[in-house]
Protein backbone atom coordinates (compact mmCIF):
# COMPACT_ATOMS: atom_id res chain seq x y z
CA UNK A 1 0.00 0.00 0.00
CA UNK A 2 1.36 3.39 -0.97
CA UNK A 3 1.92 6.16 1.56
CA UNK A 4 -0.97 8.32 0.19
CA UNK A 5 -3.31 5.33 0.47
CA UNK A 6 -2.22 4.69 4.06
CA UNK A 7 -2.73 8.36 4.89
CA UNK A 8 -6.19 8.30 3.32
CA UNK A 9 -7.23 5.22 5.30
CA UNK A 10 -6.02 6.83 8.52
CA UNK A 11 -8.03 9.97 7.81
CA UNK A 12 -11.11 7.86 7.04
CA UNK A 13 -10.66 5.97 10.33
CA UNK A 14 -10.42 9.20 12.31
CA UNK A 15 -13.51 10.60 10.59
CA UNK A 16 -15.37 7.44 11.57
CA UNK A 17 -14.44 7.90 15.24
CA UNK A 18 -15.15 11.59 15.75
CA UNK A 19 -18.63 12.63 16.93
CA UNK A 20 -21.29 13.19 14.27
CA UNK A 21 -22.29 16.86 14.47
CA UNK A 22 -25.23 16.58 12.08
CA UNK A 23 -27.94 17.07 14.76
CA UNK A 24 -26.16 20.20 16.00
CA UNK A 25 -25.99 21.70 12.53
CA UNK A 26 -29.51 20.71 11.46
CA UNK A 27 -31.64 21.70 14.46
CA UNK A 28 -31.66 25.11 16.18
CA UNK A 29 -33.73 23.74 19.06
CA UNK A 30 -31.26 20.91 19.58
CA UNK A 31 -28.44 23.46 19.80
CA UNK A 32 -30.34 25.41 22.47
CA UNK A 33 -31.24 22.27 24.39
CA UNK A 34 -27.67 20.97 24.16
CA UNK A 35 -26.22 24.30 25.35
CA UNK A 36 -28.67 24.46 28.26
CA UNK A 37 -27.74 20.94 29.32
CA UNK A 38 -24.06 21.73 29.03
CA UNK A 39 -24.37 24.68 31.41
CA UNK A 40 -26.63 23.09 34.01
CA UNK A 41 -24.76 19.77 33.96
CA UNK A 42 -21.57 21.49 35.05
CA UNK A 43 -23.29 23.14 38.01
CA UNK A 44 -25.20 20.03 39.02
CA UNK A 45 -22.01 18.00 39.25
CA UNK A 46 -20.60 20.60 41.62
CA UNK A 47 -23.53 19.93 43.96
CA UNK A 48 -23.25 16.19 43.29
CA UNK A 49 -19.87 16.24 45.01
CA UNK A 50 -20.64 18.95 47.58
CA UNK A 51 -23.65 17.17 49.14
CA UNK A 52 -21.93 13.91 50.24
CA UNK A 53 -18.86 15.88 51.29
CA UNK A 54 -20.96 18.20 53.46
CA UNK A 55 -22.78 15.25 55.05
CA UNK A 56 -19.43 13.59 55.78
CA UNK A 57 -18.23 16.80 57.45
CA UNK A 58 -21.42 17.02 59.52
CA UNK A 59 -21.64 13.35 60.57
CA UNK A 60 -18.49 11.42 59.66
CA UNK A 61 -20.76 8.48 58.76
CA UNK A 62 -20.76 6.49 55.51
CA UNK A 63 -24.28 5.29 56.34
CA UNK A 64 -25.48 8.91 56.60
CA UNK A 65 -24.04 9.62 53.16
CA UNK A 66 -25.68 6.53 51.70
CA UNK A 67 -29.06 7.57 53.14
CA UNK A 68 -29.26 10.36 50.56
CA UNK A 69 -30.25 7.69 48.05
CA UNK A 70 -32.93 6.33 50.40
CA UNK A 71 -34.56 9.75 50.80
CA UNK A 72 -34.55 10.28 47.03
CA UNK A 73 -35.95 6.89 46.06
CA UNK A 74 -39.70 7.19 46.78
CA UNK A 75 -40.16 10.67 45.21
CA UNK A 76 -38.24 9.49 42.16
CA UNK A 77 -40.50 6.46 41.68
CA UNK A 78 -43.76 8.36 42.17
CA UNK A 79 -42.94 11.48 40.18
CA UNK A 80 -40.97 9.69 37.47
CA UNK A 81 -44.05 7.75 36.37
CA UNK A 82 -46.25 10.85 36.60
CA UNK A 83 -43.65 12.89 34.72
CA UNK A 84 -43.83 10.39 31.87
CA UNK A 85 -47.60 10.87 31.59
CA UNK A 86 -47.15 14.66 31.62
CA UNK A 87 -44.52 14.48 28.88
CA UNK A 88 -46.96 12.68 26.55
CA UNK A 89 -49.88 15.03 27.33
CA UNK A 90 -48.29 18.50 27.58
CA UNK A 91 -45.80 20.72 25.78
CA UNK A 92 -42.53 18.96 26.60
CA UNK A 93 -40.50 22.14 26.34
CA UNK A 94 -42.75 23.86 28.91
CA UNK A 95 -42.44 20.93 31.33
CA UNK A 96 -38.64 21.10 31.07
CA UNK A 97 -38.59 24.88 31.52
CA UNK A 98 -40.79 24.92 34.65
CA UNK A 99 -38.98 22.04 36.31
CA UNK A 100 -35.59 23.63 35.57
CA UNK A 101 -36.73 26.74 37.44
CA UNK A 102 -37.81 24.59 40.40
CA UNK A 103 -34.44 22.82 40.48
CA UNK A 104 -32.70 26.22 40.58
CA UNK A 105 -34.77 27.22 43.62
CA UNK A 106 -33.90 23.98 45.41
CA UNK A 107 -30.21 24.50 44.72
CA UNK A 108 -30.57 27.97 46.28
CA UNK A 109 -32.02 26.34 49.42
CA UNK A 110 -28.91 24.18 49.76
CA UNK A 111 -26.85 27.35 49.53
CA UNK A 112 -28.92 29.07 52.25
CA UNK A 113 -28.50 26.09 54.58
CA UNK A 114 -24.74 26.06 53.97
CA UNK A 115 -24.56 29.77 54.82
CA UNK A 116 -26.00 29.18 58.31
CA UNK A 117 -23.54 29.40 61.23
CA UNK A 118 -24.38 25.75 61.96
CA UNK A 119 -25.71 24.00 58.81
CA UNK A 120 -28.35 21.37 59.51
CA UNK A 121 -28.51 17.83 58.18
CA UNK A 122 -32.27 17.40 57.69
CA UNK A 123 -32.63 20.18 55.07
CA UNK A 124 -30.06 18.39 52.91
CA UNK A 125 -32.14 15.21 52.97
CA UNK A 126 -35.35 17.17 52.38
CA UNK A 127 -33.95 19.09 49.42
CA UNK A 128 -32.54 15.83 48.05
CA UNK A 129 -36.02 14.29 48.13
CA UNK A 130 -37.56 17.36 46.46
CA UNK A 131 -34.84 17.41 43.78
CA UNK A 132 -35.60 13.75 43.05
CA UNK A 133 -39.31 14.58 42.71
CA UNK A 134 -38.72 17.50 40.31
CA UNK A 135 -36.12 15.51 38.37
CA UNK A 136 -38.71 12.75 38.05
CA UNK A 137 -41.10 15.26 36.49
CA UNK A 138 -38.48 16.75 34.19
CA UNK A 139 -36.43 13.84 32.92
CA UNK A 140 -39.12 12.02 30.88
CA UNK A 141 -39.97 15.26 29.05
CA UNK A 142 -36.28 16.03 28.57
CA UNK A 143 -35.41 12.58 27.25
CA UNK A 144 -38.45 12.36 24.97
CA UNK A 145 -37.87 15.88 23.63
CA UNK A 146 -34.86 15.03 21.47
CA UNK A 147 -36.71 12.65 19.09
CA UNK A 148 -39.15 15.51 18.34
CA UNK A 149 -36.46 18.02 17.36
CA UNK A 150 -33.93 15.67 15.69
CA UNK A 151 -34.36 13.50 12.60
CA UNK A 152 -34.90 9.78 13.27
CA UNK A 153 -31.65 8.71 11.63
CA UNK A 154 -29.69 11.18 13.79
CA UNK A 155 -30.85 9.91 17.19
CA UNK A 156 -27.73 7.90 18.01
CA UNK A 157 -25.55 10.88 17.09
CA UNK A 158 -27.73 13.22 19.16
CA UNK A 159 -27.43 11.00 22.22
CA UNK A 160 -23.66 10.81 21.77
CA UNK A 161 -23.49 14.62 21.64
CA UNK A 162 -25.64 14.90 24.75
CA UNK A 163 -23.35 12.42 26.48
CA UNK A 164 -20.37 14.50 25.44
CA UNK A 165 -21.43 17.56 27.43
CA UNK A 166 -22.54 15.44 30.37
CA UNK A 167 -19.19 13.73 30.50
CA UNK A 168 -17.27 16.99 30.18
CA UNK A 169 -19.32 18.27 33.11
CA UNK A 170 -18.66 15.02 34.97
CA UNK A 171 -14.93 15.55 34.60
CA UNK A 172 -14.71 19.29 35.17
CA UNK A 173 -17.48 19.51 37.77
CA UNK A 174 -16.17 16.97 40.31
CA UNK A 175 -12.55 17.95 39.77
CA UNK A 176 -13.37 21.61 40.32
CA UNK A 177 -15.69 20.78 43.20
CA UNK A 178 -12.89 18.97 44.99
CA UNK A 179 -10.69 22.05 44.72
CA UNK A 180 -13.51 24.42 45.68
CA UNK A 181 -14.52 22.33 48.68
CA UNK A 182 -10.93 22.21 49.90
CA UNK A 183 -10.20 25.93 49.54
CA UNK A 184 -13.56 27.77 49.43
CA UNK A 185 -16.04 25.33 50.98
CA UNK A 186 -19.24 23.77 49.71
CA UNK A 187 -20.99 27.15 49.75
CA UNK A 188 -19.17 28.26 46.62
CA UNK A 189 -20.11 25.04 44.84
CA UNK A 190 -23.78 25.63 45.63
CA UNK A 191 -23.54 29.26 44.51
CA UNK A 192 -22.08 28.30 41.14
CA UNK A 193 -24.83 25.73 40.67
CA UNK A 194 -27.52 28.38 41.19
CA UNK A 195 -25.83 30.61 38.59
CA UNK A 196 -25.80 27.82 35.99
CA UNK A 197 -29.53 27.23 36.42
CA UNK A 198 -30.22 30.90 35.69
CA UNK A 199 -28.27 30.72 32.41
CA UNK A 200 -29.91 27.42 31.47
CA UNK A 201 -33.37 28.97 31.83
CA UNK A 202 -32.47 31.76 29.41
CA UNK A 203 -31.50 29.20 26.77
CA UNK A 204 -34.56 26.98 27.25
CA UNK A 205 -36.87 30.00 26.98
CA UNK A 206 -35.70 30.52 23.38
CA UNK A 207 -36.81 27.06 22.21
CA UNK A 208 -39.97 26.62 20.20
CA UNK A 209 -43.00 24.85 21.68
CA UNK A 210 -43.16 21.07 21.36
CA UNK A 211 -46.90 20.27 21.68
CA UNK A 212 -48.16 16.74 22.37
CA UNK A 213 -49.14 14.34 19.61
CA UNK A 214 -52.68 14.53 18.22
CA UNK A 215 -55.08 12.64 20.45
CA UNK A 216 -52.62 12.43 23.33
CA UNK A 217 -53.96 10.69 26.44
CA UNK A 218 -54.54 12.97 29.43
CA UNK A 219 -52.20 12.42 32.39
CA UNK A 220 -53.84 9.94 34.76
CA UNK A 221 -53.26 6.64 36.52
CA UNK A 222 -54.88 4.97 33.53
CA UNK A 223 -52.38 6.64 31.18
CA UNK A 224 -49.51 5.48 33.40
CA UNK A 225 -50.97 1.97 33.30
CA UNK A 226 -51.04 2.09 29.49
CA UNK A 227 -47.35 2.91 29.45
CA UNK A 228 -46.48 0.15 31.92
CA UNK A 229 -48.46 -2.40 29.88
CA UNK A 230 -46.58 -1.35 26.75
CA UNK A 231 -43.25 -1.75 28.55
CA UNK A 232 -44.32 -5.19 29.79
CA UNK A 233 -45.17 -6.25 26.24
CA UNK A 234 -41.61 -5.43 25.12
CA UNK A 235 -39.27 -7.94 26.76
CA UNK A 236 -36.29 -6.38 24.99
CA UNK A 237 -37.10 -3.04 26.67
CA UNK A 238 -37.58 -4.74 30.03
CA UNK A 239 -34.18 -6.32 29.54
CA UNK A 240 -32.47 -2.95 29.13
CA UNK A 241 -34.14 -1.71 32.33
CA UNK A 242 -33.18 -4.85 34.25
CA UNK A 243 -29.54 -4.84 33.15
CA UNK A 244 -29.06 -1.19 34.05
CA UNK A 245 -30.77 -1.60 37.44
CA UNK A 246 -28.63 -4.60 38.37
CA UNK A 247 -25.40 -2.89 37.30
CA UNK A 248 -26.14 0.25 39.30
CA UNK A 249 -27.56 -1.54 42.35
CA UNK A 250 -24.48 -3.68 42.91
CA UNK A 251 -21.67 -1.59 41.43
CA UNK A 252 -22.39 2.10 41.99
CA UNK A 253 -19.96 3.05 44.81
CA UNK A 254 -20.12 6.85 44.58
CA UNK A 255 -21.50 7.22 48.12
CA UNK A 256 -18.32 5.74 49.63
CA UNK A 257 -15.80 7.78 47.63
CA UNK A 258 -14.97 10.09 50.58
CA UNK A 259 -14.23 6.99 52.67
CA UNK A 260 -12.42 5.19 49.85
CA UNK A 261 -10.10 8.18 49.50
CA UNK A 262 -9.38 7.95 53.24
CA UNK A 263 -8.68 4.18 53.08
CA UNK A 264 -6.27 4.77 50.20
CA UNK A 265 -4.62 7.60 52.19
CA UNK A 266 -5.35 9.90 49.25
CA UNK A 267 -7.70 12.62 50.45
CA UNK A 268 -6.28 14.84 47.73
CA UNK A 269 -7.75 12.49 45.11
CA UNK A 270 -11.41 12.78 46.13
CA UNK A 271 -12.32 15.00 43.20
CA UNK A 272 -10.42 12.68 40.87
CA UNK A 273 -12.37 9.66 42.13
CA UNK A 274 -15.61 11.40 41.21
CA UNK A 275 -14.25 12.51 37.84
CA UNK A 276 -12.44 9.32 36.78
CA UNK A 277 -15.44 7.44 35.39
CA UNK A 278 -16.46 10.52 33.46
CA UNK A 279 -13.00 10.63 31.85
CA UNK A 280 -13.60 7.17 30.43
CA UNK A 281 -17.11 8.10 29.35
CA UNK A 282 -15.82 11.27 27.72
CA UNK A 283 -13.25 9.28 25.76
CA UNK A 284 -16.03 7.09 24.40
CA UNK A 285 -18.24 10.10 23.59
CA UNK A 286 -15.40 11.84 21.79
CA UNK A 287 -14.84 8.77 19.59
CA UNK A 288 -18.50 7.79 19.25
CA UNK A 289 -18.81 7.86 15.48
CA UNK A 290 -18.67 4.05 15.35
CA UNK A 291 -21.79 3.67 17.51
CA UNK A 292 -24.11 4.86 14.73
CA UNK A 293 -23.05 1.81 12.70
CA UNK A 294 -24.01 -0.71 15.41
CA UNK A 295 -27.37 -2.42 14.91
CA UNK A 296 -27.36 -5.06 17.68
CA UNK A 297 -27.76 -2.72 20.63
CA UNK A 298 -28.84 -5.51 22.99
CA UNK A 299 -25.52 -7.33 22.71
CA UNK A 300 -23.68 -4.03 22.94
CA UNK A 301 -25.52 -3.25 26.19
CA UNK A 302 -24.81 -6.61 27.83
CA UNK A 303 -21.10 -6.58 26.98
CA UNK A 304 -20.76 -3.03 28.30
CA UNK A 305 -22.51 -3.96 31.58
CA UNK A 306 -20.08 -6.85 32.05
CA UNK A 307 -17.19 -4.45 31.45
CA UNK A 308 -18.60 -2.09 34.09
CA UNK A 309 -18.79 -4.86 36.69
CA UNK A 310 -15.30 -6.18 35.92
CA UNK A 311 -13.75 -2.73 36.17
CA UNK A 312 -15.45 -2.02 39.51
CA UNK A 313 -14.24 -5.37 40.86
CA UNK A 314 -10.65 -4.48 40.01
CA UNK A 315 -11.09 -0.97 41.45
CA UNK A 316 -12.00 -2.44 44.83
CA UNK A 317 -9.22 -5.03 44.84
CA UNK A 318 -6.33 -2.66 44.21
CA UNK A 319 -4.82 -0.45 46.92
CA UNK A 320 -3.01 1.88 44.53
CA UNK A 321 -5.02 5.08 44.00
CA UNK A 322 -3.76 5.53 40.44
CA UNK A 323 -4.86 2.02 39.47
CA UNK A 324 -8.22 2.69 41.12
CA UNK A 325 -8.60 5.78 38.96
CA UNK A 326 -7.74 3.80 35.82
CA UNK A 327 -10.32 1.15 36.71
CA UNK A 328 -12.97 3.79 37.35
CA UNK A 329 -12.18 5.36 33.98
CA UNK A 330 -12.60 1.98 32.28
CA UNK A 331 -15.90 1.52 34.10
CA UNK A 332 -17.05 4.94 32.92
CA UNK A 333 -16.22 4.06 29.32
CA UNK A 334 -18.21 0.84 29.58
CA UNK A 335 -21.15 2.70 31.13
CA UNK A 336 -21.13 5.21 28.30
CA UNK A 337 -21.28 2.46 25.69
CA UNK A 338 -24.16 0.92 27.64
CA UNK A 339 -25.96 4.28 27.72
CA UNK A 340 -25.62 4.79 23.97
CA UNK A 341 -26.98 1.29 23.33
CA UNK A 342 -29.98 1.81 25.65
CA UNK A 343 -30.89 5.24 24.34
CA UNK A 344 -30.62 4.20 20.70
CA UNK A 345 -32.75 1.09 21.21
CA UNK A 346 -35.40 3.07 23.11
CA UNK A 347 -35.62 6.02 20.73
CA UNK A 348 -35.55 3.90 17.58
CA UNK A 349 -38.29 1.50 18.65
CA UNK A 350 -40.73 3.37 20.97
CA UNK A 351 -43.66 5.24 19.31
CA UNK A 352 -43.95 8.94 20.11
CA UNK A 353 -47.38 8.53 21.74
CA UNK A 354 -45.92 6.59 24.67
CA UNK A 355 -42.34 7.83 24.55
CA UNK A 356 -42.75 10.13 27.55
CA UNK A 357 -44.19 7.34 29.70
CA UNK A 358 -41.42 5.00 28.58
CA UNK A 359 -38.94 7.70 29.52
CA UNK A 360 -40.56 7.68 32.96
CA UNK A 361 -40.02 3.93 33.26
CA UNK A 362 -36.50 4.43 31.91
CA UNK A 363 -35.89 7.08 34.57
CA UNK A 364 -36.71 4.54 37.24
CA UNK A 365 -34.30 2.02 35.75
CA UNK A 366 -31.29 4.32 35.58
CA UNK A 367 -32.09 6.34 38.70
CA UNK A 368 -33.56 3.88 41.18
CA UNK A 369 -30.58 1.60 40.67
CA UNK A 370 -28.02 4.28 41.62
CA UNK A 371 -30.14 5.44 44.58
CA UNK A 372 -30.37 1.92 45.97
CA UNK A 373 -26.73 1.44 45.01
CA UNK A 374 -25.75 4.32 47.27
CA UNK A 375 -27.62 2.72 50.17
CA UNK A 376 -26.00 -0.65 49.46
CA UNK A 377 -22.51 0.79 49.09
CA UNK A 378 -22.78 2.90 52.24
CA UNK A 379 -24.22 0.10 54.36
CA UNK A 380 -21.74 -2.50 53.15
CA UNK A 381 -18.84 -0.10 53.64
CA UNK A 382 -19.84 0.10 57.31
CA UNK A 383 -19.38 -3.69 57.53
CA UNK A 384 -16.40 -4.50 55.29
CA UNK A 385 -14.86 -1.11 54.51
CA UNK A 386 -15.07 1.03 51.38
CA UNK A 387 -12.76 -1.15 49.26
CA UNK A 388 -14.66 -4.31 50.20
CA UNK A 389 -17.93 -2.63 49.32
CA UNK A 390 -16.60 -1.80 45.85
CA UNK A 391 -15.17 -5.18 44.82
CA UNK A 392 -17.99 -7.27 46.30
CA UNK A 393 -20.48 -5.10 44.44
CA UNK A 394 -18.53 -5.54 41.22
CA UNK A 395 -18.65 -9.33 41.48
CA UNK A 396 -22.36 -9.24 42.25
CA UNK A 397 -22.88 -7.09 39.14
CA UNK A 398 -21.08 -9.64 36.95
CA UNK A 399 -23.18 -12.49 38.30
CA UNK A 400 -26.43 -10.55 37.88
CA UNK A 401 -25.73 -9.46 34.30
CA UNK A 402 -24.71 -12.98 33.23
CA UNK A 403 -27.95 -14.34 34.68
CA UNK A 404 -29.99 -11.72 32.80
CA UNK A 405 -28.15 -12.46 29.55
CA UNK A 406 -29.19 -16.09 29.84
CA UNK A 407 -32.79 -15.17 30.65
CA UNK A 408 -33.32 -12.51 27.94
CA UNK A 409 -32.84 -13.96 24.43
CA UNK A 410 -34.98 -11.19 22.92
CA UNK A 411 -32.51 -8.57 24.12
CA UNK A 412 -29.53 -10.44 22.71
CA UNK A 413 -31.35 -10.92 19.41
CA UNK A 414 -32.48 -7.30 18.96
CA UNK A 415 -31.44 -5.86 15.57
CA UNK A 416 -32.62 -2.38 14.58
CA UNK A 417 -32.62 -3.34 10.89
CA UNK A 418 -35.20 -6.11 11.30
CA UNK A 419 -37.06 -5.37 14.55
CA UNK A 420 -40.76 -4.68 13.76
CA UNK A 421 -41.07 -1.96 16.42
CA UNK A 422 -38.04 -0.10 15.07
CA UNK A 423 -39.39 -0.41 11.52
CA UNK A 424 -42.79 1.01 12.53
CA UNK A 425 -41.23 3.98 14.32
CA UNK A 426 -38.93 4.65 11.38
CA UNK A 427 -41.84 4.62 8.92
CA UNK A 428 -43.89 6.94 11.15
CA UNK A 429 -40.97 9.37 11.38
CA UNK A 430 -40.59 9.34 7.60
CA UNK A 431 -44.30 10.08 7.12
CA UNK A 432 -44.15 12.95 9.60
CA UNK A 433 -41.10 14.40 7.85
CA UNK A 434 -42.85 14.15 4.46
CA UNK A 435 -45.92 15.95 5.85
CA UNK A 436 -43.75 18.77 7.19
CA UNK A 437 -41.98 19.10 3.84
CA UNK A 438 -45.25 19.33 1.89
CA UNK A 439 -47.16 21.52 4.34
CA UNK A 440 -47.94 25.03 3.00
CA UNK A 441 -45.76 27.83 4.36
CA UNK A 442 -47.53 30.41 6.55
């Protein structure tokens, strides 16, 4: 092969790895939504680190830190399902805008508590529960908004771009939060979070309305039941929920990071522990071009979940902080691949009329797992130490995912090119696009 040919193949390979920017270029509303998420994600990760650190300073208890997940669980379940019904019945952009304002107010309450001469513990738990409730209302509308403002064949690329800003925030937010907490205290982290919500609201306000589909079902318990019955009829969807829940339940050790840093005699590395998994996820997002060419998302999801569990097992077994950080980065990369597979399968095969409610069920799968995972990690760390909590959870994750792989042949066999649900959604999207193109102007 000649040198020009080798150079051309290398350039083609690099083009295939870099993120696909087509959704960004094609949709003004996607650009606004993406920019809003970029801003608020950075601030939210500051608070994500500041809350457990503040609880540790107030109590010195790993169990108290893990209880944050327990207080958030019930509101998340209740309001996540209701938020899905609202997303299918109301203007999704309006739901996102109102809930974003509420989240900004709650972040301000954390700041006010931190400014007290003697900050109290119970307001942190209360605000955590309220944040979970509002997030449950917002997330289904937010997740089901993208398919309405992005072309069907650009959904995988859009998710990868969304993951890119989230992972950048995951890296910069925790790393900066660790520095801020050490030198300026958690108050500054909360203050910056409030400021990011204000900017995010300005961006969301410029988006166009996204009204519900014609004949949308009014939000009610019956509407929620319709969504749950649809999810139950799709064993491949249930498989994605189950795999994610198992992985997060057994191998989500974030609650014990302050104690893990102490066991490793590396208090300076706390921010890095929070940021390490995001580094791996960011690396995957930045080279995500290949994901749009994958059609068997079920297999992709299962392999990634096994990689997550294996990496967490190794992270708990090693006593070297740098090796722990490498393992956490590998886990983050695997989790990002899993997330791309889940989102693509969901958005390509769920009809728009129930997409909000499915996003509500999805919210439970990828949020309830981490909340329970925090409780598990904190409680187990009290018995066997932080490192033991991490590696035991990793092994349990591997066992659980292997069992699900054996029990879910429909998930393993999913192929977006031949799946009847994916074909129906694709045809509906093409009809809607043709109607928009032929509709009279004005």
